[in-house]
């Protein structure tokens, strides 16, 4: 299971990185993967948030919403096709 870190701790790590501490140093001192620190830094510096959804553009959010809608409509279409087949046999 993935380890969870408090937001304040993440902010401190990002601040250390922004003030010149290297990924390797932070990895050694705190035992956090360099890739994790890099993601935190990118997200926080871009939007001031660690939340993935806060870091998505409006286009990305719309695309996700539309893909979900397409999946739902495909499922409904499949159900209606099955119902038509069942009713057609009677």
PDB file of N, CA and C in Angstrom:
ATOM      1  N   UNK A   1       0.841  -1.176   0.000  1.00  0.00           N
ATOM      2  CA  UNK A   1       0.000   0.000   0.000  1.00  0.00           C
ATOM      3  C   UNK A   1       0.888   1.242   0.000  1.00  0.00           C
ATOM      4  N   UNK A   2       0.494   2.235  -0.749  1.00  0.00           N
ATOM      5  CA  UNK A   2       1.282   3.456  -0.875  1.00  0.00           C
ATOM      6  C   UNK A   2       1.276   4.229   0.441  1.00  0.00           C
ATOM      7  N   UNK A   3       2.416   4.812   0.754  1.00  0.00           N
ATOM      8  CA  UNK A   3       2.534   5.602   1.967  1.00  0.00           C
ATOM      9  C   UNK A   3       1.930   6.981   1.731  1.00  0.00           C
ATOM     10  N   UNK A   4       1.207   7.501   2.696  1.00  0.00           N
ATOM     11  CA  UNK A   4       0.574   8.817   2.598  1.00  0.00           C
ATOM     12  C   UNK A   4       1.362   9.810   3.444  1.00  0.00           C
ATOM     13  N   UNK A   5       1.548  10.991   2.902  1.00  0.00           N
ATOM     14  CA  UNK A   5       2.259  12.046   3.600  1.00  0.00           C
ATOM     15  C   UNK A   5       1.326  13.224   3.832  1.00  0.00           C
ATOM     16  N   UNK A   6       1.477  13.888   4.962  1.00  0.00           N
ATOM     17  CA  UNK A   6       0.683  15.073   5.269  1.00  0.00           C
ATOM     18  C   UNK A   6       1.051  16.197   4.310  1.00  0.00           C
ATOM     19  N   UNK A   7       0.078  17.054   4.016  1.00  0.00           N
ATOM     20  CA  UNK A   7       0.304  18.145   3.072  1.00  0.00           C
ATOM     21  C   UNK A   7       1.400  19.094   3.559  1.00  0.00           C
ATOM     22  N   UNK A   8       1.439  19.371   4.848  1.00  0.00           N
ATOM     23  CA  UNK A   8       2.469  20.269   5.384  1.00  0.00           C
ATOM     24  C   UNK A   8       3.872  19.707   5.172  1.00  0.00           C
ATOM     25  N   UNK A   9       4.010  18.395   5.340  1.00  0.00           N
ATOM     26  CA  UNK A   9       5.297  17.748   5.103  1.00  0.00           C
ATOM     27  C   UNK A   9       5.704  17.888   3.640  1.00  0.00           C
ATOM     28  N   UNK A  10       4.737  17.657   2.736  1.00  0.00           N
ATOM     29  CA  UNK A  10       5.024  17.801   1.308  1.00  0.00           C
ATOM     30  C   UNK A  10       5.470  19.228   0.987  1.00  0.00           C
ATOM     31  N   UNK A  11       4.790  20.210   1.582  1.00  0.00           N
ATOM     32  CA  UNK A  11       5.157  21.618   1.355  1.00  0.00           C
ATOM     33  C   UNK A  11       6.582  21.889   1.811  1.00  0.00           C
ATOM     34  N   UNK A  12       6.973  21.306   2.926  1.00  0.00           N
ATOM     35  CA  UNK A  12       8.333  21.489   3.433  1.00  0.00           C
ATOM     36  C   UNK A  12       9.358  20.887   2.475  1.00  0.00           C
ATOM     37  N   UNK A  13       9.061  19.711   1.949  1.00  0.00           N
ATOM     38  CA  UNK A  13       9.970  19.060   0.992  1.00  0.00           C
ATOM     39  C   UNK A  13      10.088  19.902  -0.271  1.00  0.00           C
ATOM     40  N   UNK A  14       8.948  20.405  -0.774  1.00  0.00           N
ATOM     41  CA  UNK A  14       8.964  21.254  -1.976  1.00  0.00           C
ATOM     42  C   UNK A  14       9.772  22.521  -1.713  1.00  0.00           C
ATOM     43  N   UNK A  15       9.589  23.110  -0.544  1.00  0.00           N
ATOM     44  CA  UNK A  15      10.334  24.329  -0.201  1.00  0.00           C
ATOM     45  C   UNK A  15      11.833  24.051  -0.153  1.00  0.00           C
ATOM     46  N   UNK A  16      12.216  22.930   0.428  1.00  0.00           N
ATOM     47  CA  UNK A  16      13.635  22.566   0.476  1.00  0.00           C
ATOM     48  C   UNK A  16      14.194  22.421  -0.940  1.00  0.00           C
ATOM     49  N   UNK A  17      13.437  21.755  -1.804  1.00  0.00           N
ATOM     50  CA  UNK A  17      13.878  21.575  -3.186  1.00  0.00           C
ATOM     51  C   UNK A  17      13.987  22.926  -3.897  1.00  0.00           C
ATOM     52  N   UNK A  18      12.966  23.758  -3.728  1.00  0.00           N
ATOM     53  CA  UNK A  18      12.963  25.075  -4.372  1.00  0.00           C
ATOM     54  C   UNK A  18      14.095  25.969  -3.873  1.00  0.00           C
ATOM     55  N   UNK A  19      14.572  25.692  -2.676  1.00  0.00           N
ATOM     56  CA  UNK A  19      15.678  26.471  -2.105  1.00  0.00           C
ATOM     57  C   UNK A  19      17.042  25.856  -2.388  1.00  0.00           C
ATOM     58  N   UNK A  20      17.086  24.874  -3.297  1.00  0.00           N
ATOM     59  CA  UNK A  20      18.370  24.368  -3.752  1.00  0.00           C
ATOM     60  C   UNK A  20      18.778  22.981  -3.312  1.00  0.00           C
ATOM     61  N   UNK A  21      17.994  22.341  -2.470  1.00  0.00           N
ATOM     62  CA  UNK A  21      18.329  20.977  -2.050  1.00  0.00           C
ATOM     63  C   UNK A  21      18.064  20.031  -3.235  1.00  0.00           C
ATOM     64  N   UNK A  22      18.959  19.124  -3.494  1.00  0.00           N
ATOM     65  CA  UNK A  22      18.809  18.229  -4.650  1.00  0.00           C
ATOM     66  C   UNK A  22      17.842  17.084  -4.339  1.00  0.00           C
ATOM     67  N   UNK A  23      17.321  16.478  -5.417  1.00  0.00           N
ATOM     68  CA  UNK A  23      16.454  15.316  -5.259  1.00  0.00           C
ATOM     69  C   UNK A  23      17.182  14.192  -4.527  1.00  0.00           C
ATOM     70  N   UNK A  24      18.445  13.999  -4.871  1.00  0.00           N
ATOM     71  CA  UNK A  24      19.235  12.934  -4.248  1.00  0.00           C
ATOM     72  C   UNK A  24      19.387  13.176  -2.743  1.00  0.00           C
ATOM     73  N   UNK A  25      19.659  14.421  -2.360  1.00  0.00           N
ATOM     74  CA  UNK A  25      19.795  14.749  -0.928  1.00  0.00           C
ATOM     75  C   UNK A  25      18.480  14.496  -0.183  1.00  0.00           C
ATOM     76  N   UNK A  26      17.371  14.952  -0.765  1.00  0.00           N
ATOM     77  CA  UNK A  26      16.070  14.758  -0.127  1.00  0.00           C
ATOM     78  C   UNK A  26      15.725  13.278  -0.030  1.00  0.00           C
ATOM     79  N   UNK A  27      16.067  12.524  -1.062  1.00  0.00           N
ATOM     80  CA  UNK A  27      15.843  11.087  -1.062  1.00  0.00           C
ATOM     81  C   UNK A  27      16.619  10.421   0.068  1.00  0.00           C
ATOM     82  N   UNK A  28      17.876  10.783   0.198  1.00  0.00           N
ATOM     83  CA  UNK A  28      18.722  10.193   1.239  1.00  0.00           C
ATOM     84  C   UNK A  28      18.243  10.577   2.638  1.00  0.00           C
ATOM     85  N   UNK A  29      17.918  11.847   2.840  1.00  0.00           N
ATOM     86  CA  UNK A  29      17.555  12.327   4.176  1.00  0.00           C
ATOM     87  C   UNK A  29      16.180  11.868   4.643  1.00  0.00           C
ATOM     88  N   UNK A  30      15.223  11.797   3.715  1.00  0.00           N
ATOM     89  CA  UNK A  30      13.842  11.508   4.117  1.00  0.00           C
ATOM     90  C   UNK A  30      13.314  10.170   3.625  1.00  0.00           C
ATOM     91  N   UNK A  31      14.087   9.500   2.761  1.00  0.00           N
ATOM     92  CA  UNK A  31      13.666   8.193   2.276  1.00  0.00           C
ATOM     93  C   UNK A  31      12.474   8.234   1.332  1.00  0.00           C
ATOM     94  N   UNK A  32      12.307   9.353   0.645  1.00  0.00           N
ATOM     95  CA  UNK A  32      11.204   9.513  -0.308  1.00  0.00           C
ATOM     96  C   UNK A  32      11.784   9.355  -1.711  1.00  0.00           C
ATOM     97  N   UNK A  33      11.092   8.599  -2.548  1.00  0.00           N
ATOM     98  CA  UNK A  33      11.566   8.377  -3.916  1.00  0.00           C
ATOM     99  C   UNK A  33      11.719   9.704  -4.653  1.00  0.00           C
ATOM    100  N   UNK A  34      12.773   9.792  -5.456  1.00  0.00           N
ATOM    101  CA  UNK A  34      13.017  11.012  -6.231  1.00  0.00           C
ATOM    102  C   UNK A  34      11.843  11.326  -7.141  1.00  0.00           C
ATOM    103  N   UNK A  35      11.249  10.292  -7.730  1.00  0.00           N
ATOM    104  CA  UNK A  35      10.109  10.511  -8.634  1.00  0.00           C
ATOM    105  C   UNK A  35       8.916  11.109  -7.878  1.00  0.00           C
ATOM    106  N   UNK A  36       8.720  10.684  -6.638  1.00  0.00           N
ATOM    107  CA  UNK A  36       7.633  11.226  -5.826  1.00  0.00           C
ATOM    108  C   UNK A  36       7.865  12.700  -5.536  1.00  0.00           C
ATOM    109  N   UNK A  37       9.090  13.033  -5.158  1.00  0.00           N
ATOM    110  CA  UNK A  37       9.419  14.432  -4.865  1.00  0.00           C
ATOM    111  C   UNK A  37       9.238  15.282  -6.113  1.00  0.00           C
ATOM    112  N   UNK A  38       9.664  14.754  -7.251  1.00  0.00           N
ATOM    113  CA  UNK A  38       9.540  15.499  -8.511  1.00  0.00           C
ATOM    114  C   UNK A  38       8.076  15.796  -8.830  1.00  0.00           C
ATOM    115  N   UNK A  39       7.203  14.806  -8.630  1.00  0.00           N
ATOM    116  CA  UNK A  39       5.767  15.006  -8.871  1.00  0.00           C
ATOM    117  C   UNK A  39       5.219  16.066  -7.924  1.00  0.00           C
ATOM    118  N   UNK A  40       5.587  15.981  -6.648  1.00  0.00           N
ATOM    119  CA  UNK A  40       5.131  16.981  -5.684  1.00  0.00           C
ATOM    120  C   UNK A  40       5.545  18.380  -6.118  1.00  0.00           C
ATOM    121  N   UNK A  41       6.796  18.531  -6.495  1.00  0.00           N
ATOM    122  CA  UNK A  41       7.329  19.834  -6.892  1.00  0.00           C
ATOM    123  C   UNK A  41       6.581  20.367  -8.113  1.00  0.00           C
ATOM    124  N   UNK A  42       6.418  19.525  -9.125  1.00  0.00           N
ATOM    125  CA  UNK A  42       5.733  19.959 -10.347  1.00  0.00           C
ATOM    126  C   UNK A  42       4.301  20.374 -10.051  1.00  0.00           C
ATOM    127  N   UNK A  43       3.578  19.554  -9.312  1.00  0.00           N
ATOM    128  CA  UNK A  43       2.175  19.861  -9.013  1.00  0.00           C
ATOM    129  C   UNK A  43       2.054  21.129  -8.176  1.00  0.00           C
ATOM    130  N   UNK A  44       2.848  21.201  -7.133  1.00  0.00           N
ATOM    131  CA  UNK A  44       2.714  22.342  -6.216  1.00  0.00           C
ATOM    132  C   UNK A  44       3.158  23.642  -6.877  1.00  0.00           C
ATOM    133  N   UNK A  45       4.233  23.595  -7.640  1.00  0.00           N
ATOM    134  CA  UNK A  45       4.714  24.804  -8.299  1.00  0.00           C
ATOM    135  C   UNK A  45       3.774  25.258  -9.416  1.00  0.00           C
ATOM    136  N   UNK A  46       3.058  24.316 -10.034  1.00  0.00           N
ATOM    137  CA  UNK A  46       2.120  24.662 -11.116  1.00  0.00           C
ATOM    138  C   UNK A  46       0.838  25.291 -10.592  1.00  0.00           C
ATOM    139  N   UNK A  47       0.275  24.706  -9.518  1.00  0.00           N
ATOM    140  CA  UNK A  47      -1.056  25.150  -9.097  1.00  0.00           C
ATOM    141  C   UNK A  47      -1.188  25.467  -7.613  1.00  0.00           C
ATOM    142  N   UNK A  48      -0.155  25.233  -6.847  1.00  0.00           N
ATOM    143  CA  UNK A  48      -0.257  25.462  -5.402  1.00  0.00           C
ATOM    144  C   UNK A  48      -1.021  24.356  -4.694  1.00  0.00           C
ATOM    145  N   UNK A  49      -1.169  23.217  -5.382  1.00  0.00           N
ATOM    146  CA  UNK A  49      -1.915  22.098  -4.814  1.00  0.00           C
ATOM    147  C   UNK A  49      -1.235  20.787  -5.190  1.00  0.00           C
ATOM    148  N   UNK A  50      -1.411  19.784  -4.323  1.00  0.00           N
ATOM    149  CA  UNK A  50      -0.894  18.449  -4.610  1.00  0.00           C
ATOM    150  C   UNK A  50      -1.966  17.561  -5.226  1.00  0.00           C
ATOM    151  N   UNK A  51      -3.199  18.030  -5.247  1.00  0.00           N
ATOM    152  CA  UNK A  51      -4.318  17.267  -5.773  1.00  0.00           C
ATOM    153  C   UNK A  51      -4.219  17.169  -7.293  1.00  0.00           C
ATOM    154  N   UNK A  52      -4.308  15.961  -7.803  1.00  0.00           N
ATOM    155  CA  UNK A  52      -4.204  15.724  -9.245  1.00  0.00           C
ATOM    156  C   UNK A  52      -5.259  16.520 -10.006  1.00  0.00           C
ATOM    157  N   UNK A  53      -6.485  16.529  -9.494  1.00  0.00           N
ATOM    158  CA  UNK A  53      -7.571  17.212 -10.197  1.00  0.00           C
ATOM    159  C   UNK A  53      -7.370  18.715 -10.283  1.00  0.00           C
ATOM    160  N   UNK A  54      -6.673  19.300  -9.332  1.00  0.00           N
ATOM    161  CA  UNK A  54      -6.396  20.732  -9.373  1.00  0.00           C
ATOM    162  C   UNK A  54      -5.362  21.060 -10.441  1.00  0.00           C
ATOM    163  N   UNK A  55      -4.641  20.068 -10.896  1.00  0.00           N
ATOM    164  CA  UNK A  55      -3.561  20.277 -11.853  1.00  0.00           C
ATOM    165  C   UNK A  55      -3.951  19.921 -13.286  1.00  0.00           C
ATOM    166  N   UNK A  56      -5.222  19.625 -13.505  1.00  0.00           N
ATOM    167  CA  UNK A  56      -5.685  19.292 -14.854  1.00  0.00           C
ATOM    168  C   UNK A  56      -6.276  20.532 -15.510  1.00  0.00           C
ATOM    169  N   UNK A  57      -6.022  20.657 -16.801  1.00  0.00           N
ATOM    170  CA  UNK A  57      -6.600  21.773 -17.544  1.00  0.00           C
ATOM    171  C   UNK A  57      -8.094  21.524 -17.736  1.00  0.00           C
ATOM    172  N   UNK A  58      -8.806  22.559 -18.107  1.00  0.00           N
ATOM    173  CA  UNK A  58     -10.238  22.418 -18.353  1.00  0.00           C
ATOM    174  C   UNK A  58     -10.502  21.421 -19.480  1.00  0.00           C
ATOM    175  N   UNK A  59      -9.611  21.405 -20.486  1.00  0.00           N
ATOM    176  CA  UNK A  59      -9.765  20.461 -21.589  1.00  0.00           C
ATOM    177  C   UNK A  59      -9.614  19.026 -21.114  1.00  0.00           C
ATOM    178  N   UNK A  60      -8.650  18.785 -20.232  1.00  0.00           N
ATOM    179  CA  UNK A  60      -8.448  17.436 -19.699  1.00  0.00           C
ATOM    180  C   UNK A  60      -9.664  16.994 -18.882  1.00  0.00           C
ATOM    181  N   UNK A  61     -10.189  17.901 -18.072  1.00  0.00           N
ATOM    182  CA  UNK A  61     -11.369  17.573 -17.269  1.00  0.00           C
ATOM    183  C   UNK A  61     -12.564  17.259 -18.170  1.00  0.00           C
ATOM    184  N   UNK A  62     -12.739  18.051 -19.222  1.00  0.00           N
ATOM    185  CA  UNK A  62     -13.838  17.832 -20.159  1.00  0.00           C
ATOM    186  C   UNK A  62     -13.678  16.495 -20.880  1.00  0.00           C
ATOM    187  N   UNK A  63     -12.466  16.171 -21.284  1.00  0.00           N
ATOM    188  CA  UNK A  63     -12.197  14.902 -21.958  1.00  0.00           C
ATOM    189  C   UNK A  63     -12.544  13.723 -21.054  1.00  0.00           C
ATOM    190  N   UNK A  64     -12.162  13.794 -19.804  1.00  0.00           N
ATOM    191  CA  UNK A  64     -12.470  12.729 -18.845  1.00  0.00           C
ATOM    192  C   UNK A  64     -13.981  12.596 -18.682  1.00  0.00           C
ATOM    193  N   UNK A  65     -14.669  13.729 -18.546  1.00  0.00           N
ATOM    194  CA  UNK A  65     -16.115  13.715 -18.395  1.00  0.00           C
ATOM    195  C   UNK A  65     -16.788  13.091 -19.619  1.00  0.00           C
ATOM    196  N   UNK A  66     -16.326  13.471 -20.808  1.00  0.00           N
ATOM    197  CA  UNK A  66     -16.918  12.941 -22.038  1.00  0.00           C
ATOM    198  C   UNK A  66     -16.635  11.456 -22.218  1.00  0.00           C
ATOM    199  N   UNK A  67     -15.450  11.005 -21.841  1.00  0.00           N
ATOM    200  CA  UNK A  67     -15.142   9.569 -21.937  1.00  0.00           C
ATOM    201  C   UNK A  67     -16.048   8.756 -21.014  1.00  0.00           C
ATOM    202  N   UNK A  68     -16.299   9.273 -19.815  1.00  0.00           N
ATOM    203  CA  UNK A  68     -17.206   8.583 -18.897  1.00  0.00           C
ATOM    204  C   UNK A  68     -18.606   8.521 -19.488  1.00  0.00           C
ATOM    205  N   UNK A  69     -19.035   9.610 -20.088  1.00  0.00           N
ATOM    206  CA  UNK A  69     -20.368   9.664 -20.691  1.00  0.00           C
ATOM    207  C   UNK A  69     -20.476   8.667 -21.850  1.00  0.00           C
ATOM    208  N   UNK A  70     -19.453   8.574 -22.678  1.00  0.00           N
ATOM    209  CA  UNK A  70     -19.444   7.629 -23.796  1.00  0.00           C
ATOM    210  C   UNK A  70     -19.564   6.199 -23.266  1.00  0.00           C
ATOM    211  N   UNK A  71     -18.808   5.863 -22.235  1.00  0.00           N
ATOM    212  CA  UNK A  71     -18.873   4.512 -21.648  1.00  0.00           C
ATOM    213  C   UNK A  71     -20.284   4.211 -21.149  1.00  0.00           C
ATOM    214  N   UNK A  72     -20.891   5.192 -20.466  1.00  0.00           N
ATOM    215  CA  UNK A  72     -22.240   5.007 -19.949  1.00  0.00           C
ATOM    216  C   UNK A  72     -23.224   4.781 -21.097  1.00  0.00           C
ATOM    217  N   UNK A  73     -23.130   5.574 -22.143  1.00  0.00           N
ATOM    218  CA  UNK A  73     -24.039   5.437 -23.285  1.00  0.00           C
ATOM    219  C   UNK A  73     -23.825   4.111 -24.013  1.00  0.00           C
ATOM    220  N   UNK A  74     -22.575   3.654 -24.107  1.00  0.00           N
ATOM    221  CA  UNK A  74     -22.300   2.356 -24.724  1.00  0.00           C
ATOM    222  C   UNK A  74     -22.949   1.231 -23.932  1.00  0.00           C
ATOM    223  N   UNK A  75     -22.873   1.316 -22.590  1.00  0.00           N
ATOM    224  CA  UNK A  75     -23.497   0.293 -21.750  1.00  0.00           C
ATOM    225  C   UNK A  75     -25.014   0.310 -21.928  1.00  0.00           C
ATOM    226  N   UNK A  76     -25.604   1.500 -21.938  1.00  0.00           N
ATOM    227  CA  UNK A  76     -27.044   1.604 -22.124  1.00  0.00           C
ATOM    228  C   UNK A  76     -27.455   1.046 -23.488  1.00  0.00           C
ATOM    229  N   UNK A  77     -26.664   1.321 -24.497  1.00  0.00           N
ATOM    230  CA  UNK A  77     -26.938   0.819 -25.843  1.00  0.00           C
ATOM    231  C   UNK A  77     -26.897  -0.714 -25.869  1.00  0.00           C
ATOM    232  N   UNK A  78     -25.907  -1.296 -25.219  1.00  0.00           N
ATOM    233  CA  UNK A  78     -25.801  -2.759 -25.147  1.00  0.00           C
ATOM    234  C   UNK A  78     -27.020  -3.359 -24.437  1.00  0.00           C
ATOM    235  N   UNK A  79     -27.464  -2.726 -23.368  1.00  0.00           N
ATOM    236  CA  UNK A  79     -28.632  -3.211 -22.632  1.00  0.00           C
ATOM    237  C   UNK A  79     -29.869  -3.169 -23.521  1.00  0.00           C
ATOM    238  N   UNK A  80     -30.033  -2.063 -24.241  1.00  0.00           N
ATOM    239  CA  UNK A  80     -31.189  -1.940 -25.122  1.00  0.00           C
ATOM    240  C   UNK A  80     -31.155  -2.968 -26.259  1.00  0.00           C
ATOM    241  N   UNK A  81     -29.970  -3.244 -26.782  1.00  0.00           N
ATOM    242  CA  UNK A  81     -29.849  -4.267 -27.829  1.00  0.00           C
ATOM    243  C   UNK A  81     -30.271  -5.635 -27.292  1.00  0.00           C
ATOM    244  N   UNK A  82     -29.813  -5.961 -26.094  1.00  0.00           N
ATOM    245  CA  UNK A  82     -30.182  -7.252 -25.477  1.00  0.00           C
ATOM    246  C   UNK A  82     -31.681  -7.317 -25.233  1.00  0.00           C
ATOM    247  N   UNK A  83     -32.259  -6.218 -24.762  1.00  0.00           N
ATOM    248  CA  UNK A  83     -33.700  -6.190 -24.502  1.00  0.00           C
ATOM    249  C   UNK A  83     -34.466  -6.375 -25.799  1.00  0.00           C
ATOM    250  N   UNK A  84     -34.005  -5.751 -26.872  1.00  0.00           N
ATOM    251  CA  UNK A  84     -34.673  -5.875 -28.174  1.00  0.00           C
ATOM    252  C   UNK A  84     -34.607  -7.314 -28.659  1.00  0.00           C
ATOM    253  N   UNK A  85     -33.480  -7.984 -28.460  1.00  0.00           N
ATOM    254  CA  UNK A  85     -33.361  -9.384 -28.857  1.00  0.00           C
ATOM    255  C   UNK A  85     -34.308 -10.271 -28.059  1.00  0.00           C
ATOM    256  N   UNK A  86     -34.394 -10.029 -26.792  1.00  0.00           N
ATOM    257  CA  UNK A  86     -35.275 -10.837 -25.920  1.00  0.00           C
ATOM    258  C   UNK A  86     -36.731 -10.608 -26.287  1.00  0.00           C
ATOM    259  N   UNK A  87     -37.095  -9.362 -26.467  1.00  0.00           N
ATOM    260  CA  UNK A  87     -38.485  -9.046 -26.813  1.00  0.00           C
ATOM    261  C   UNK A  87     -38.840  -9.521 -28.223  1.00  0.00           C
ATOM    262  N   UNK A  88     -37.870  -9.533 -29.117  1.00  0.00           N
ATOM    263  CA  UNK A  88     -38.095  -9.981 -30.487  1.00  0.00           C
ATOM    264  C   UNK A  88     -38.378 -11.469 -30.570  1.00  0.00           C
ATOM    265  N   UNK A  89     -37.892 -12.259 -29.613  1.00  0.00           N
ATOM    266  CA  UNK A  89     -38.092 -13.711 -29.600  1.00  0.00           C
ATOM    267  C   UNK A  89     -39.475 -14.085 -29.094  1.00  0.00           C
ATOM    268  N   UNK A  90     -40.121 -13.193 -28.377  1.00  0.00           N
ATOM    269  CA  UNK A  90     -41.432 -13.514 -27.772  1.00  0.00           C
ATOM    270  C   UNK A  90     -42.551 -13.329 -28.743  1.00  0.00           C
TER     271      UNK A  90
END
